[in-house]
Protein backbone atom coordinates (compact mmCIF):
# COMPACT_ATOMS: atom_id res chain seq x y z
CA MET A 1 -1.16 -15.44 -6.12
CA THR A 2 -4.58 -13.84 -5.80
CA THR A 3 -7.63 -15.84 -6.80
CA SER A 4 -10.63 -14.53 -8.69
CA HIS A 5 -14.01 -14.48 -7.08
CA PRO A 6 -17.46 -13.10 -7.91
CA PRO A 7 -18.01 -9.35 -7.68
CA VAL A 8 -17.95 -8.04 -4.16
CA ASN A 9 -21.05 -6.62 -2.55
CA ASN A 10 -21.17 -2.92 -3.38
CA GLN A 11 -22.99 -2.28 -0.11
CA LEU A 12 -19.64 -2.06 1.64
CA SER A 13 -19.43 1.24 3.47
CA ALA A 14 -17.01 3.80 2.06
CA ASP A 15 -14.66 3.22 5.00
CA GLU A 16 -14.76 -0.55 4.50
CA ALA A 17 -14.01 -0.08 0.80
CA LEU A 18 -11.08 2.21 1.60
CA GLN A 19 -9.63 -0.34 4.04
CA ARG A 20 -9.95 -3.00 1.34
CA MET A 21 -7.88 -0.81 -0.99
CA ILE A 22 -5.25 -0.18 1.68
CA ASP A 23 -5.00 -3.92 2.37
CA GLY A 24 -4.79 -4.62 -1.37
CA ASN A 25 -1.90 -2.20 -1.80
CA ARG A 26 -0.08 -3.92 1.07
CA LYS A 27 -0.46 -7.25 -0.76
CA PHE A 28 0.88 -5.58 -3.91
CA LEU A 29 3.94 -4.36 -1.99
CA ARG A 30 4.55 -7.89 -0.68
CA GLY A 31 4.48 -9.26 -4.23
CA GLU A 32 1.29 -11.22 -3.65
CA VAL A 33 -0.70 -9.67 -6.53
CA HIS A 34 -0.58 -11.24 -9.99
CA PHE A 35 -2.90 -11.63 -12.94
CA PRO A 36 -5.02 -14.61 -11.86
CA SER A 37 -6.77 -17.24 -13.93
CA VAL A 38 -10.51 -16.64 -14.00
CA PRO A 39 -12.94 -19.55 -13.56
CA ALA A 40 -15.85 -19.74 -15.99
CA GLU A 41 -18.39 -19.20 -13.21
CA VAL A 42 -16.85 -15.80 -12.43
CA PHE A 43 -17.33 -14.68 -16.02
CA ALA A 44 -20.90 -15.93 -15.90
CA ASP A 45 -21.58 -13.97 -12.71
CA LEU A 46 -19.96 -10.80 -14.07
CA ALA A 47 -22.01 -11.04 -17.26
CA LYS A 48 -25.15 -10.48 -15.18
CA ASP A 49 -24.06 -7.23 -13.52
CA GLN A 50 -21.22 -5.39 -11.82
CA ARG A 51 -20.91 -4.34 -8.22
CA PRO A 52 -17.63 -2.44 -7.82
CA TYR A 53 -16.79 -1.34 -4.29
CA ALA A 54 -14.79 1.72 -5.38
CA MET A 55 -14.48 4.21 -8.23
CA ILE A 56 -11.05 5.46 -9.24
CA LEU A 57 -10.16 8.46 -11.37
CA GLY A 58 -6.51 7.89 -12.21
CA CYS A 59 -3.83 8.83 -14.70
CA ALA A 60 -3.47 6.92 -17.98
CA ASP A 61 0.22 6.20 -17.20
CA SER A 62 0.97 2.57 -18.10
CA ARG A 63 2.95 2.07 -14.88
CA VAL A 64 -0.03 2.67 -12.59
CA PRO A 65 -2.70 0.00 -13.23
CA PRO A 66 -5.21 0.39 -10.36
CA GLU A 67 -6.39 -3.22 -10.36
CA LEU A 68 -2.85 -4.44 -9.68
CA VAL A 69 -1.89 -1.58 -7.37
CA PHE A 70 -4.87 -2.35 -5.13
CA GLY A 71 -4.87 -6.12 -5.57
CA ALA A 72 -8.38 -6.08 -7.05
CA GLY A 73 -10.10 -8.60 -9.28
CA LEU A 74 -12.55 -8.35 -12.15
CA GLY A 75 -15.63 -6.32 -11.32
CA GLU A 76 -14.22 -4.83 -8.11
CA LEU A 77 -13.10 -1.38 -9.29
CA PHE A 78 -14.81 1.11 -11.61
CA VAL A 79 -11.81 2.82 -13.21
CA VAL A 80 -11.66 6.00 -15.30
CA ARG A 81 -8.19 6.86 -16.56
CA VAL A 82 -7.06 10.03 -18.31
CA ALA A 83 -3.65 11.72 -18.45
CA GLY A 84 -3.16 13.91 -15.40
CA ASN A 85 -6.34 12.47 -13.79
CA VAL A 86 -8.12 15.60 -15.00
CA PHE A 87 -11.82 16.26 -14.53
CA SER A 88 -14.08 16.79 -17.55
CA PRO A 89 -17.78 16.41 -18.40
CA GLU A 90 -17.10 12.95 -19.81
CA VAL A 91 -15.26 11.89 -16.67
CA ALA A 92 -18.03 13.37 -14.51
CA GLY A 93 -20.64 11.40 -16.43
CA SER A 94 -18.74 8.13 -16.03
CA LEU A 95 -18.30 8.61 -12.29
CA GLN A 96 -21.91 9.70 -11.87
CA TYR A 97 -23.03 6.50 -13.58
CA ALA A 98 -21.10 4.38 -11.06
CA GLY A 99 -22.43 6.39 -8.15
CA VAL A 100 -26.07 6.48 -9.21
CA HIS A 101 -26.60 3.17 -11.00
CA LEU A 102 -23.98 0.94 -9.36
CA HIS A 103 -24.31 2.52 -5.89
CA THR A 104 -20.54 2.69 -5.45
CA ARG A 105 -19.71 4.65 -2.32
CA LEU A 106 -15.97 5.35 -2.45
CA LEU A 107 -14.27 7.59 -5.01
CA VAL A 108 -10.47 7.80 -5.09
CA ILE A 109 -8.57 10.41 -7.11
CA LEU A 110 -5.25 8.70 -7.82
CA GLY A 111 -2.26 10.74 -8.95
CA HIS A 112 1.29 9.48 -9.19
CA GLU A 113 4.84 10.69 -8.72
CA GLY A 114 6.57 12.05 -11.82
CA CYS A 115 3.30 12.58 -13.72
CA GLY A 116 4.19 13.67 -17.26
CA ALA A 117 1.03 15.74 -17.70
CA VAL A 118 1.70 17.67 -14.48
CA LYS A 119 5.35 18.08 -15.48
CA ALA A 120 4.26 19.54 -18.84
CA ALA A 121 1.91 21.94 -17.03
CA LEU A 122 4.76 23.14 -14.81
CA LYS A 123 6.96 23.65 -17.86
CA PHE A 124 4.24 25.71 -19.51
CA LYS A 125 3.80 27.69 -16.32
CA ARG A 126 7.52 28.47 -16.09
CA GLN A 127 8.52 28.77 -19.73
CA GLY A 128 5.31 29.05 -21.76
CA ALA A 129 6.29 25.87 -23.61
CA SER A 130 3.08 24.81 -25.33
CA GLU A 131 2.24 21.32 -26.61
CA ARG A 132 0.16 20.07 -29.50
CA SER A 133 -3.45 21.17 -29.34
CA ARG A 134 -5.02 18.13 -27.67
CA ILE A 135 -2.23 17.79 -25.13
CA GLN A 136 -2.52 21.51 -24.41
CA ILE A 137 -6.17 20.97 -23.45
CA LEU A 138 -4.97 18.64 -20.69
CA ILE A 139 -2.33 21.13 -19.58
CA ASP A 140 -4.86 23.97 -19.48
CA SER A 141 -7.08 21.81 -17.26
CA ILE A 142 -4.22 21.22 -14.80
CA LEU A 143 -2.79 24.76 -14.62
CA PRO A 144 -5.38 26.37 -12.27
CA GLY A 145 -4.56 23.85 -9.55
CA LEU A 146 -0.86 24.72 -9.63
CA SER A 147 -1.17 28.41 -8.79
CA GLY A 148 0.30 27.95 -5.31
CA ILE A 149 3.49 26.17 -6.44
CA SER A 150 6.55 28.37 -5.86
CA PRO A 151 8.90 28.68 -8.87
CA ASP A 152 11.83 29.04 -6.44
CA LEU A 153 11.65 25.43 -5.30
CA ASP A 154 13.91 22.65 -6.55
CA PRO A 155 12.30 21.18 -9.72
CA GLU A 156 11.76 17.77 -8.11
CA VAL A 157 10.11 19.37 -5.08
CA GLN A 158 7.97 21.50 -7.40
CA LEU A 159 6.80 18.40 -9.26
CA ALA A 160 6.02 16.48 -6.06
CA GLN A 161 3.98 19.38 -4.71
CA ALA A 162 2.28 19.88 -8.07
CA VAL A 163 1.21 16.23 -8.30
CA GLU A 164 -0.49 16.44 -4.91
CA ALA A 165 -1.95 19.88 -5.71
CA ASN A 166 -3.42 18.47 -8.93
CA VAL A 167 -5.11 15.64 -7.03
CA ARG A 168 -6.59 18.11 -4.55
CA ALA A 169 -7.72 20.40 -7.37
CA THR A 170 -9.60 17.53 -9.01
CA MET A 171 -11.22 16.73 -5.68
CA ARG A 172 -12.35 20.36 -5.35
CA GLN A 173 -13.85 20.32 -8.83
CA LEU A 174 -15.84 17.24 -7.94
CA LEU A 175 -17.03 18.77 -4.69
CA GLU A 176 -18.18 21.89 -6.53
CA THR A 177 -20.57 19.98 -8.79
CA PRO A 178 -24.22 19.74 -7.68
CA GLU A 179 -24.05 15.97 -8.08
CA GLY A 180 -20.94 15.68 -5.92
CA GLN A 181 -22.41 17.86 -3.22
CA ALA A 182 -25.65 15.90 -3.21
CA ARG A 183 -23.91 12.53 -2.88
CA LEU A 184 -21.71 13.72 -0.01
CA GLU A 185 -24.65 15.30 1.79
CA GLU A 186 -26.36 11.92 1.72
CA GLY A 187 -23.56 10.75 4.04
CA ARG A 188 -22.88 7.55 2.10
CA MET A 189 -20.17 8.64 -0.35
CA LYS A 190 -16.52 9.24 0.54
CA LEU A 191 -14.00 11.17 -1.60
CA VAL A 192 -10.31 10.43 -1.04
CA GLY A 193 -7.11 11.66 -2.70
CA ALA A 194 -4.03 9.49 -3.14
CA VAL A 195 -0.57 9.53 -4.74
CA TYR A 196 1.15 6.41 -6.08
CA GLN A 197 4.87 6.30 -5.29
CA MET A 198 6.66 5.06 -8.41
CA ALA A 199 9.85 3.92 -6.71
CA THR A 200 8.13 1.77 -4.08
CA GLY A 201 4.63 0.88 -5.36
CA ARG A 202 3.09 2.30 -2.22
CA VAL A 203 -0.09 4.38 -2.34
CA ARG A 204 -0.07 7.38 -0.01
CA PHE A 205 -3.57 8.49 0.92
CA LEU A 206 -3.88 12.23 1.51
CA GLU A 207 -5.15 13.74 4.73
């Protein structure tokens, strides 16, 4: 069982933070990650401030909780979750807050196998099957990133490729913002894409 501890130092380099996430996922795969009890002194320390070592933009899917997937404790990850891990002004503002005010150096875009939002976008792309208005907004945000997916592929292969393409599309959108470009040019921030494998619990980090 993992034990809680005070917030980690957010001055970890981006590479050190990424290795911490990789190690945490390995613990998760070994069954060593559980919801821990939290000592009172940890709450007291967290009440003063937060120092997360990584930001995550992930899907809202209930089966992919980043804190468990990466074996992280309270105050260690700054998590923004929205169906399809789509990028929006609200998401951008949340991530910018963590980067500017919390000095968090690693940003991970976390998609997952079998993503329902991506599946709905593929269905719309193939059949024009629209959803209710608010869901359609999500689908419309995902569609541009799926332009290179061949309709001739097996549906499961299409979905797997589309999930990864959606992660990469979100990364591109971030890189195209003035704020994203500025942070990367500073040489302190790292942007990484990843896909959670539902059947195994493993996180595959993209090249």
